Amino acid sequence: MRPGWLAVWLCVWLTAGCSGPEHEAGFAGLADNVQALDGFEQPAPGDLLVFPDDFGPHPAHRIEWWYLTANLQTEAGEPLGLQWTQFRQSIEPRALDAERPEPSTWPLQAAWMAHAAVSYQGQHWFQERLARGDLGQAGAVAEPFKVWLDHWQMNASDRPDHWQLAVSQGQPGKDNHWAFDLALNNQGQPVAHGDNGFSAKSGSGEGSMYFSLVNLEVTGTVTLAGEQLKVHGKAWFDREWSSQFLKAGQQGWDWFALHLDSGDKLMVFRLREEGGHYQSGTWIPRSGAPVALAPDQLRLEPGDGSGGVPTRWRLQVPAQGVDLELVAPEGDYTNDGLFPYWESPVSVLGSHSGVGYMELTGYGD
């Protein structure tokens, strides 16, 4: 689950024609904007995931993203959280096999945005990068897998299930420099959410195609203000695309991806709207097939907060014996880009222990 409205708003940055009433209408305006398909393809129940193709771009769809969160430890055993996301926002639809325009014509079929963040010892480093498509500055390919924006890159290495993720921000040797260079080893098959990959986002049927890799083992280094830290741990990778995402009246969402010490995994999201919320999720047992969770099969309630953001949550999945308290560490984990949102690691307490990540959008200003 990702803030697709961030990708929609890339067109505001790139084209004056996209700035209009939706600029003043907030989430409702964005929802109205994405309901009109305007030639874009829209996922629906019955659509199938195709691998490895679906790791690559979907230019016939309006919005998509590649997204990784990692719960890591340093050699000293200190927790460190890490996030990387790349968004693609189409301005106009295009078939995957269509001939690409010459870069010299300065084409604008799609805009790209990348986010990266590191959370460590109560501090949060974040950076945002923007690019136009079709110029070589940013893009994605399915095989061999690669996603890039400038020198920020995720790509397959010597084997298809071994990836490398490299991000560097600021000038090396200076206090403003931070970076990470990680090796990712995928140890499981893709998990399809919802109805074989179609993930509904409202009771009226809006949705996206959505799958995850939930068993990524991570090793590498993170550099903060000149100090290089060796890290290891686990990561969660999301892949999602759609052309019709938010429903009018939805105000934001809350998303959680959890690695439980039992070996089970759990993804849950909630879209907030007046008069009630739409929620769903996936229970991923250590052994056996994933279980799609209907709205009435889980309970998700916010608790205490900081700065208007709920940083403690209670999550229950009664059929699986799950009753959890999710707690963010002390600190401010706002990704303060064009459209701020909260992205933090969480500790898992209660019926199960573990770690994970949460993303909260649409709170405060």
Protein backbone atom coordinates (compact mmCIF):
# COMPACT_ATOMS: atom_id res chain seq x y z
CA MET A 1 0.00 0.00 0.00
CA ARG A 2 1.50 3.32 -1.00
CA PRO A 3 0.49 7.00 -1.22
CA GLY A 4 -0.66 6.94 -4.82
CA TRP A 5 -1.83 10.52 -4.52
CA LEU A 6 1.85 11.51 -4.40
CA ALA A 7 2.29 10.08 -7.86
CA VAL A 8 -0.87 11.75 -9.13
CA TRP A 9 0.46 15.08 -7.98
CA LEU A 10 3.68 14.72 -9.93
CA CYS A 11 1.79 16.22 -12.85
CA VAL A 12 1.34 19.42 -10.83
CA TRP A 13 5.11 19.75 -10.73
CA LEU A 14 5.58 18.98 -14.42
CA THR A 15 2.57 20.39 -16.27
CA ALA A 16 0.54 23.50 -15.64
CA GLY A 17 -2.44 21.78 -17.29
CA CYS A 18 -2.75 19.45 -14.31
CA SER A 19 -3.14 22.25 -11.77
CA GLY A 20 -6.78 23.11 -11.36
CA PRO A 21 -9.65 22.51 -8.94
CA GLU A 22 -8.02 19.34 -7.65
CA HIS A 23 -5.16 21.48 -6.31
CA GLU A 24 -7.63 22.97 -3.83
CA ALA A 25 -9.80 19.93 -3.17
CA GLY A 26 -7.27 17.72 -1.41
CA PHE A 27 -7.95 14.00 -1.34
CA ALA A 28 -11.45 14.38 -2.76
CA GLY A 29 -10.09 16.23 -5.79
CA LEU A 30 -7.46 13.56 -6.32
CA ALA A 31 -10.09 10.85 -6.13
CA ASP A 32 -12.26 12.60 -8.71
CA ASN A 33 -9.17 13.04 -10.89
CA VAL A 34 -8.38 9.33 -11.00
CA GLN A 35 -11.95 8.09 -11.53
CA ALA A 36 -11.94 9.25 -15.17
CA LEU A 37 -9.89 6.58 -16.94
CA ASP A 38 -9.17 8.69 -20.05
CA GLY A 39 -7.90 5.68 -21.98
CA PHE A 40 -5.95 4.11 -19.13
CA GLU A 41 -6.41 0.44 -18.28
CA GLN A 42 -7.92 -0.34 -14.87
CA PRO A 43 -7.30 -3.52 -12.84
CA ALA A 44 -10.35 -5.60 -11.95
CA PRO A 45 -11.17 -8.90 -10.22
CA GLY A 46 -10.06 -11.75 -12.43
CA ASP A 47 -6.89 -10.03 -13.66
CA LEU A 48 -3.81 -12.19 -13.20
CA LEU A 49 -0.27 -11.48 -12.10
CA VAL A 50 2.42 -12.38 -14.63
CA PHE A 51 6.04 -12.88 -13.59
CA PRO A 52 8.60 -11.58 -14.20
CA ASP A 53 6.71 -9.05 -16.37
CA ASP A 54 4.90 -7.41 -13.46
CA PHE A 55 8.16 -6.37 -11.84
CA GLY A 56 8.51 -4.00 -14.79
CA PRO A 57 6.51 -0.88 -15.75
CA HIS A 58 2.81 -0.68 -16.66
CA PRO A 59 2.60 2.42 -18.91
CA ALA A 60 -1.03 1.69 -19.83
CA HIS A 61 -1.95 2.32 -16.17
CA ARG A 62 -1.97 5.71 -14.52
CA ILE A 63 0.04 5.13 -11.33
CA GLU A 64 2.43 2.54 -9.93
CA TRP A 65 5.23 2.13 -7.43
CA TRP A 66 8.07 -0.09 -6.27
CA TYR A 67 8.51 0.04 -2.50
CA LEU A 68 10.87 -1.46 0.05
CA THR A 69 11.01 -1.18 3.84
CA ALA A 70 13.71 -2.86 5.92
CA ASN A 71 14.07 -3.61 9.61
CA LEU A 72 17.82 -3.91 10.17
CA GLN A 73 20.36 -4.16 12.98
CA THR A 74 23.88 -2.80 13.24
CA GLU A 75 26.81 -4.94 14.40
CA ALA A 76 26.19 -3.50 17.88
CA GLY A 77 22.61 -4.81 17.78
CA GLU A 78 20.98 -1.38 17.44
CA PRO A 79 17.79 -1.21 15.34
CA LEU A 80 17.85 0.75 12.07
CA GLY A 81 14.92 1.30 9.71
CA LEU A 82 15.18 2.00 6.02
CA GLN A 83 12.77 2.86 3.20
CA TRP A 84 13.03 3.29 -0.59
CA THR A 85 10.18 3.97 -3.02
CA GLN A 86 9.96 4.84 -6.69
CA PHE A 87 6.72 6.14 -8.23
CA ARG A 88 5.66 6.44 -11.88
CA GLN A 89 2.78 8.72 -12.86
CA SER A 90 1.53 8.53 -16.44
CA ILE A 91 0.40 11.73 -18.09
CA GLU A 92 -1.06 9.73 -21.00
CA PRO A 93 -1.44 5.95 -21.53
CA ARG A 94 0.99 3.99 -23.66
CA ALA A 95 1.19 0.34 -24.69
CA LEU A 96 4.13 -1.52 -23.19
CA ASP A 97 5.50 -2.38 -26.64
CA ALA A 98 4.93 1.09 -28.14
CA GLU A 99 7.87 2.80 -29.80
CA ARG A 100 9.53 5.31 -27.50
CA PRO A 101 9.89 8.93 -28.65
CA GLU A 102 13.29 10.46 -29.20
CA PRO A 103 14.65 12.10 -26.03
CA SER A 104 15.54 15.17 -28.12
CA THR A 105 11.80 15.93 -28.45
CA TRP A 106 11.63 16.36 -24.63
CA PRO A 107 8.66 13.96 -24.31
CA LEU A 108 6.38 13.81 -21.29
CA GLN A 109 4.46 10.54 -21.14
CA ALA A 110 5.26 9.95 -17.47
CA ALA A 111 6.83 11.56 -14.43
CA TRP A 112 8.90 9.77 -11.80
CA MET A 113 9.55 10.38 -8.12
CA ALA A 114 11.78 8.53 -5.67
CA HIS A 115 11.85 8.62 -1.86
CA ALA A 116 14.53 7.29 0.46
CA ALA A 117 14.80 7.43 4.25
CA VAL A 118 16.87 6.07 7.13
CA SER A 119 15.65 5.97 10.75
CA TYR A 120 18.29 5.45 13.46
CA GLN A 121 18.70 6.41 17.12
CA GLY A 122 15.62 8.66 17.07
CA GLN A 123 16.74 10.56 13.97
CA HIS A 124 15.21 10.45 10.49
CA TRP A 125 16.97 11.20 7.21
CA PHE A 126 14.76 11.68 4.15
CA GLN A 127 15.21 12.81 0.55
CA GLU A 128 12.96 13.12 -2.51
CA ARG A 129 14.02 13.15 -6.17
CA LEU A 130 11.94 13.99 -9.28
CA ALA A 131 12.46 13.22 -12.97
CA ARG A 132 10.76 13.23 -16.37
CA GLY A 133 10.28 9.96 -18.21
CA ASP A 134 11.68 8.98 -21.63
CA LEU A 135 14.91 10.92 -21.13
CA GLY A 136 16.90 8.08 -19.57
CA GLN A 137 17.02 9.83 -16.19
CA ALA A 138 14.52 7.40 -14.64
CA GLY A 139 12.81 4.17 -15.61
CA ALA A 140 12.20 0.50 -14.96
CA VAL A 141 12.63 -2.80 -16.79
CA ALA A 142 11.34 -6.24 -15.86
CA GLU A 143 14.16 -8.48 -17.04
CA PRO A 144 16.85 -8.14 -15.97
CA PHE A 145 15.07 -6.28 -13.19
CA LYS A 146 16.10 -2.65 -12.74
CA VAL A 147 14.46 0.50 -11.36
CA TRP A 148 16.39 3.76 -11.26
CA LEU A 149 16.20 7.51 -10.86
CA ASP A 150 19.59 9.14 -11.43
CA HIS A 151 22.12 7.26 -9.28
CA TRP A 152 19.48 5.76 -6.98
CA GLN A 153 19.07 2.21 -8.29
CA MET A 154 17.56 -1.17 -7.48
CA ASN A 155 18.64 -3.91 -9.85
CA ALA A 156 19.16 -7.65 -10.17
CA SER A 157 22.76 -8.70 -9.62
CA ASP A 158 24.35 -12.05 -10.51
CA ARG A 159 21.09 -13.99 -10.03
CA PRO A 160 17.45 -12.95 -10.58
CA ASP A 161 16.64 -13.48 -6.88
CA HIS A 162 19.62 -11.38 -5.74
CA TRP A 163 19.15 -7.61 -5.96
CA GLN A 164 21.26 -4.60 -5.12
CA LEU A 165 19.83 -1.33 -3.79
CA ALA A 166 22.05 1.76 -3.72
CA VAL A 167 21.10 5.29 -2.61
CA SER A 168 23.44 8.19 -1.89
CA GLN A 169 22.47 11.71 -0.83
CA GLY A 170 24.69 14.74 -0.24
CA GLN A 171 28.42 15.06 -0.74
CA PRO A 172 30.63 12.22 0.57
CA GLY A 173 32.80 13.38 3.42
CA LYS A 174 30.35 16.14 4.42
CA ASP A 175 27.96 16.13 7.37
CA ASN A 176 24.94 16.15 5.03
CA HIS A 177 25.96 12.90 3.36
CA TRP A 178 24.04 9.69 3.97
CA ALA A 179 23.77 6.56 1.90
CA PHE A 180 22.97 2.88 1.86
CA ASP A 181 24.25 0.00 -0.25
CA LEU A 182 22.35 -3.24 0.33
CA ALA A 183 22.32 -6.78 -1.01
CA LEU A 184 18.81 -8.32 -1.05
CA ASN A 185 18.33 -12.08 -1.18
CA ASN A 186 14.76 -13.14 -1.99
CA GLN A 187 13.89 -16.39 -0.21
CA GLY A 188 10.22 -16.76 -1.14
CA GLN A 189 7.62 -16.53 -3.87
CA PRO A 190 5.55 -13.39 -4.56
CA VAL A 191 2.49 -13.03 -2.32
CA ALA A 192 -0.67 -11.93 -4.15
CA HIS A 193 -2.96 -9.76 -2.05
CA GLY A 194 -6.75 -9.62 -2.25
CA ASP A 195 -8.37 -11.63 -5.04
CA ASN A 196 -5.33 -13.30 -6.63
CA GLY A 197 -3.60 -9.93 -6.83
CA PHE A 198 -6.56 -7.56 -7.21
CA SER A 199 -6.67 -5.56 -3.97
CA ALA A 200 -9.96 -3.70 -3.40
CA LYS A 201 -9.59 -0.27 -1.82
CA SER A 202 -13.28 0.45 -1.13
CA GLY A 203 -16.60 -1.32 -0.81
CA SER A 204 -17.62 0.01 -4.23
CA GLY A 205 -14.81 -1.77 -6.06
CA GLU A 206 -11.95 0.69 -6.65
CA GLY A 207 -8.64 -1.11 -6.39
CA SER A 208 -5.19 -2.01 -7.64
CA MET A 209 -3.00 -4.96 -8.54
CA TYR A 210 -0.78 -5.65 -5.54
CA PHE A 211 1.85 -8.24 -4.64
CA SER A 212 4.76 -8.44 -2.20
CA LEU A 213 8.03 -10.19 -1.56
CA VAL A 214 8.06 -10.71 2.20
CA ASN A 215 11.17 -12.84 2.76
CA LEU A 216 14.07 -10.65 1.70
CA GLU A 217 17.28 -11.16 3.67
CA VAL A 218 19.41 -8.01 3.77
CA THR A 219 23.12 -7.33 4.30
CA GLY A 220 25.10 -4.21 3.52
CA THR A 221 26.18 -0.82 4.78
CA VAL A 222 24.47 2.41 5.82
CA THR A 223 26.53 5.62 5.97
CA LEU A 224 25.41 8.48 8.22
CA ALA A 225 27.49 11.66 8.63
CA GLY A 226 30.72 9.89 7.74
CA GLU A 227 30.12 6.80 9.87
CA GLN A 228 29.69 3.54 7.98
CA LEU A 229 27.52 0.95 9.71
CA LYS A 230 27.38 -2.71 8.71
CA VAL A 231 23.77 -3.88 8.85
CA HIS A 232 21.73 -7.03 8.41
CA GLY A 233 18.06 -7.90 8.72
CA LYS A 234 14.88 -8.39 6.73
CA ALA A 235 12.94 -6.40 4.17
CA TRP A 236 9.46 -6.24 2.64
CA PHE A 237 9.01 -5.31 -1.03
CA ASP A 238 5.68 -4.09 -2.43
CA ARG A 239 4.65 -3.77 -6.07
CA GLU A 240 1.37 -2.01 -6.92
CA TRP A 241 -0.34 -0.36 -9.91
CA SER A 242 -3.74 1.09 -10.79
CA SER A 243 -5.54 3.81 -12.73
CA GLN A 244 -8.40 4.43 -10.30
CA PHE A 245 -7.29 4.52 -6.73
CA LEU A 246 -8.87 6.76 -4.12
CA LYS A 247 -12.62 6.93 -3.69
CA ALA A 248 -14.07 10.43 -3.26
CA GLY A 249 -14.25 11.20 0.45
CA GLN A 250 -11.34 8.99 1.50
CA GLN A 251 -9.03 11.09 3.65
CA GLY A 252 -5.88 8.98 3.86
CA TRP A 253 -4.70 5.55 4.87
CA ASP A 254 -2.84 3.52 7.45
CA TRP A 255 -0.65 0.62 6.27
CA PHE A 256 1.32 -1.99 8.23
CA ALA A 257 3.69 -4.75 7.14
CA LEU A 258 4.89 -7.02 9.97
CA HIS A 259 7.58 -9.68 10.36
CA LEU A 260 6.55 -11.81 13.34
CA ASP A 261 9.12 -13.80 15.30
CA SER A 262 6.94 -16.89 14.77
CA GLY A 263 7.90 -16.72 11.08
CA ASP A 264 4.44 -15.52 10.07
CA LYS A 265 3.91 -12.25 8.20
CA LEU A 266 0.98 -9.84 8.21
CA MET A 267 -0.06 -6.94 5.98
CA VAL A 268 -3.02 -4.73 6.92
CA PHE A 269 -4.30 -1.42 5.58
CA ARG A 270 -7.17 0.92 6.36
CA LEU A 271 -8.53 3.75 4.19
CA ARG A 272 -10.23 6.40 6.28
CA GLU A 273 -13.49 7.98 5.17
CA GLU A 274 -16.45 9.69 6.77
CA GLY A 275 -18.93 7.31 8.32
CA GLY A 276 -16.51 4.39 8.45
CA HIS A 277 -13.32 2.93 7.06
CA TYR A 278 -12.42 0.34 4.47
CA GLN A 279 -9.83 -2.17 5.65
CA SER A 280 -8.25 -5.35 4.39
CA GLY A 281 -5.09 -7.38 4.70
CA THR A 282 -3.24 -10.64 4.17
CA TRP A 283 -2.15 -13.21 6.76
CA ILE A 284 0.97 -14.98 5.48
CA PRO A 285 1.70 -18.06 7.60
CA ARG A 286 5.18 -19.47 8.00
CA SER A 287 3.98 -22.52 6.09
CA GLY A 288 0.92 -22.80 3.92
CA ALA A 289 -0.95 -20.48 1.59
CA PRO A 290 -1.58 -16.77 2.30
CA VAL A 291 -5.03 -15.92 3.64
CA ALA A 292 -6.88 -12.83 2.34
CA LEU A 293 -8.52 -10.91 5.20
CA ALA A 294 -11.95 -9.38 4.56
CA PRO A 295 -12.88 -6.09 6.28
CA ASP A 296 -14.82 -7.84 9.06
CA GLN A 297 -11.97 -10.26 9.83
CA LEU A 298 -9.67 -7.72 11.41
CA ARG A 299 -9.77 -4.85 13.88
CA LEU A 300 -7.41 -1.89 13.68
CA GLU A 301 -7.63 0.95 16.19
CA PRO A 302 -5.32 3.94 16.75
CA GLY A 303 -4.01 4.72 20.22
CA ASP A 304 -1.69 7.43 21.53
CA GLY A 305 -0.10 9.85 19.13
CA SER A 306 2.53 12.49 18.60
CA GLY A 307 1.94 15.71 16.70
CA GLY A 308 -1.48 14.57 15.54
CA VAL A 309 -0.15 11.22 14.24
CA PRO A 310 -1.20 8.01 16.04
CA THR A 311 2.06 6.22 16.86
CA ARG A 312 0.55 3.31 18.82
CA TRP A 313 -2.03 0.92 17.36
CA ARG A 314 -3.95 -2.18 18.34
CA LEU A 315 -4.35 -4.79 15.61
CA GLN A 316 -6.46 -7.93 16.00
CA VAL A 317 -7.08 -10.84 13.64
CA PRO A 318 -9.24 -13.14 15.81
CA ALA A 319 -9.28 -16.12 13.45
CA GLN A 320 -5.47 -16.28 13.58
CA GLY A 321 -5.16 -15.67 17.31
CA VAL A 322 -3.51 -12.31 16.67
CA ASP A 323 -3.82 -9.45 19.20
CA LEU A 324 -1.00 -6.99 18.74
CA GLU A 325 0.21 -3.61 19.94
CA LEU A 326 2.26 -1.75 17.35
CA VAL A 327 4.57 0.96 18.66
CA ALA A 328 6.70 3.46 16.74
CA PRO A 329 10.01 4.52 18.31
CA GLU A 330 10.39 7.97 19.85
CA GLY A 331 11.02 10.65 17.25
CA ASP A 332 9.53 12.35 14.22
CA TYR A 333 9.42 10.07 11.17
CA THR A 334 7.71 12.42 8.75
CA ASN A 335 8.86 12.11 5.14
CA ASP A 336 8.85 15.84 4.56
CA GLY A 337 8.63 16.02 0.78
CA LEU A 338 6.14 17.75 -1.51
CA PHE A 339 3.34 15.94 0.35
CA PRO A 340 4.43 14.87 3.84
CA TYR A 341 3.46 11.53 5.34
CA TRP A 342 4.65 9.36 8.26
CA GLU A 343 6.88 6.35 7.64
CA SER A 344 8.44 4.56 10.61
CA PRO A 345 9.56 1.20 11.93
CA VAL A 346 7.35 -0.39 14.58
CA SER A 347 7.88 -2.88 17.37
CA VAL A 348 5.31 -5.66 17.73
CA LEU A 349 4.06 -6.66 21.19
CA GLY A 350 1.18 -8.79 22.47
CA SER A 351 0.19 -12.25 21.25
CA HIS A 352 3.18 -12.19 18.90
CA SER A 353 6.47 -10.31 18.95
CA GLY A 354 8.29 -8.92 15.96
CA VAL A 355 9.12 -5.85 13.92
CA GLY A 356 7.67 -4.08 10.93
CA TYR A 357 6.84 -0.80 9.26
CA MET A 358 3.88 1.54 9.18
CA GLU A 359 2.87 4.29 6.79
CA LEU A 360 0.27 6.90 7.72
CA THR A 361 -1.05 9.54 5.33
CA GLY A 362 -3.58 12.37 5.53
CA TYR A 363 -2.97 13.44 9.14
CA GLY A 364 -2.50 17.02 10.30
CA ASP A 365 -1.99 19.72 7.67
